[in-house]
Structure formats: C-alpha cells, structure tokens
Amino acid sequence: MSLVLPRSDRHADHVFDVVRGGFRDEGNDVVARSWSRCLNEYRLHPDRPLKVPVVDAHSLEARLAKMADVVDCARYEMTTLYQQLADGETAVVLTDTDGVILHMVTSSEFAAEVEPMGLRAGAVWSENAAGTNGMGTAAEERRAVRVVGEEHYNDALRSLTCVGVPIEHGLQENVDLVR
C-alpha cells in the first residue's frame, strides 16, 4: 500500500482512509501503524494546527543536567554530521526518551524557518504530542524510521523529511538522534 498522497487531495481524508480501512501489517508499515496510534490512541487530528508542547526552562535545564554526558559526547558528532550533510536546510537533533529536544545543530536560517513548527530546544516531539514524525515515531517503534513529506501525521509537517534513529547510552536511558 502506498501512503504517498497527491498534493491535490486532503491529507486528513487520506489518513482516515488508511486507518479506518485497515492495512496489512507486513512488518514494515511503520507509518500506517503510527497513524493508527495517533488517531485511535492519542486522539490527534491530522489537519488541526500543530501546537508542539514546550517544557519550561527549569525542566529543560534538569533534563540537560541528567543527560549532560550524552549531550557533551553528541555535540561534536552532531556538528560533524551536519557539516558532512552540507545542507543549510538540515537539522541534526538530539532528544531524550520523552521526545524533548535537548540539542540541535542547524543553520540560523533553517532554525528560523522551523521554529514556528516547534522545532527548537525544549519542544516535545514524542509521537503522542506531535503525531508521526522522525523523532517520536523512531522512539515509539524502537528502530530507525524515515518519515517523508505527507507521511507526517500532521499536515503542517508535509514540507519536512525526517530520519530518526534510537541510540543507546551504555550508562543511562535510550536517547534519540535525528537528522
């Protein structure tokens, strides 16, 4: 089954058709499973305005302190990956297990473009908060996930392509690294 939606169709209608019509679970239909969770478990609506929650400054500082070793190790690797990608419209993002963005490497221009979508430090990108997305769905599925354009649950994210990869830190909890 193809989840690619022609731009002329209504995204929400396509999501509802896929979820309500059932889908064959062939073990690789990550997006359809995520859409089902978003609609049936989290009660999210795919074409409502996206309002990604943001933790307060104190909570973000506490999360950064808890994951300080991981964030310190990741900074260099994230910067290196961003430089290797050599694309000003790319972000390399580190979240904690709750989907809270702890650190992000990107251009100032792209940061300004995606900030209204909620892509910034402290924003919560768990699947139950933001719908199908690279960070949240990778954490939920506990495996690498790619979410391209209209595969995002929320219509507002159709311009993005996201890849999420859960990583493990040997001494602490899992964290997610996303580009």
Foldseek 3Di string as FASTA:
>chain_A
DDLDDDPVDDLQVSLCCLQVVDDDPPVPPLLNVLSNCQCPPLVDGQADQADFDFDDPVVLVVVCVVCVVVCVVVPVVQVVVQVVVVDQLDKKFKFALQQATNDIDHDPVNCVVCVVNPPDGRTHDACSRQNDDQANSCSVVVAKDWQAQSSGSHNVCNVDIKIKGWDQDPPDGIMIIID
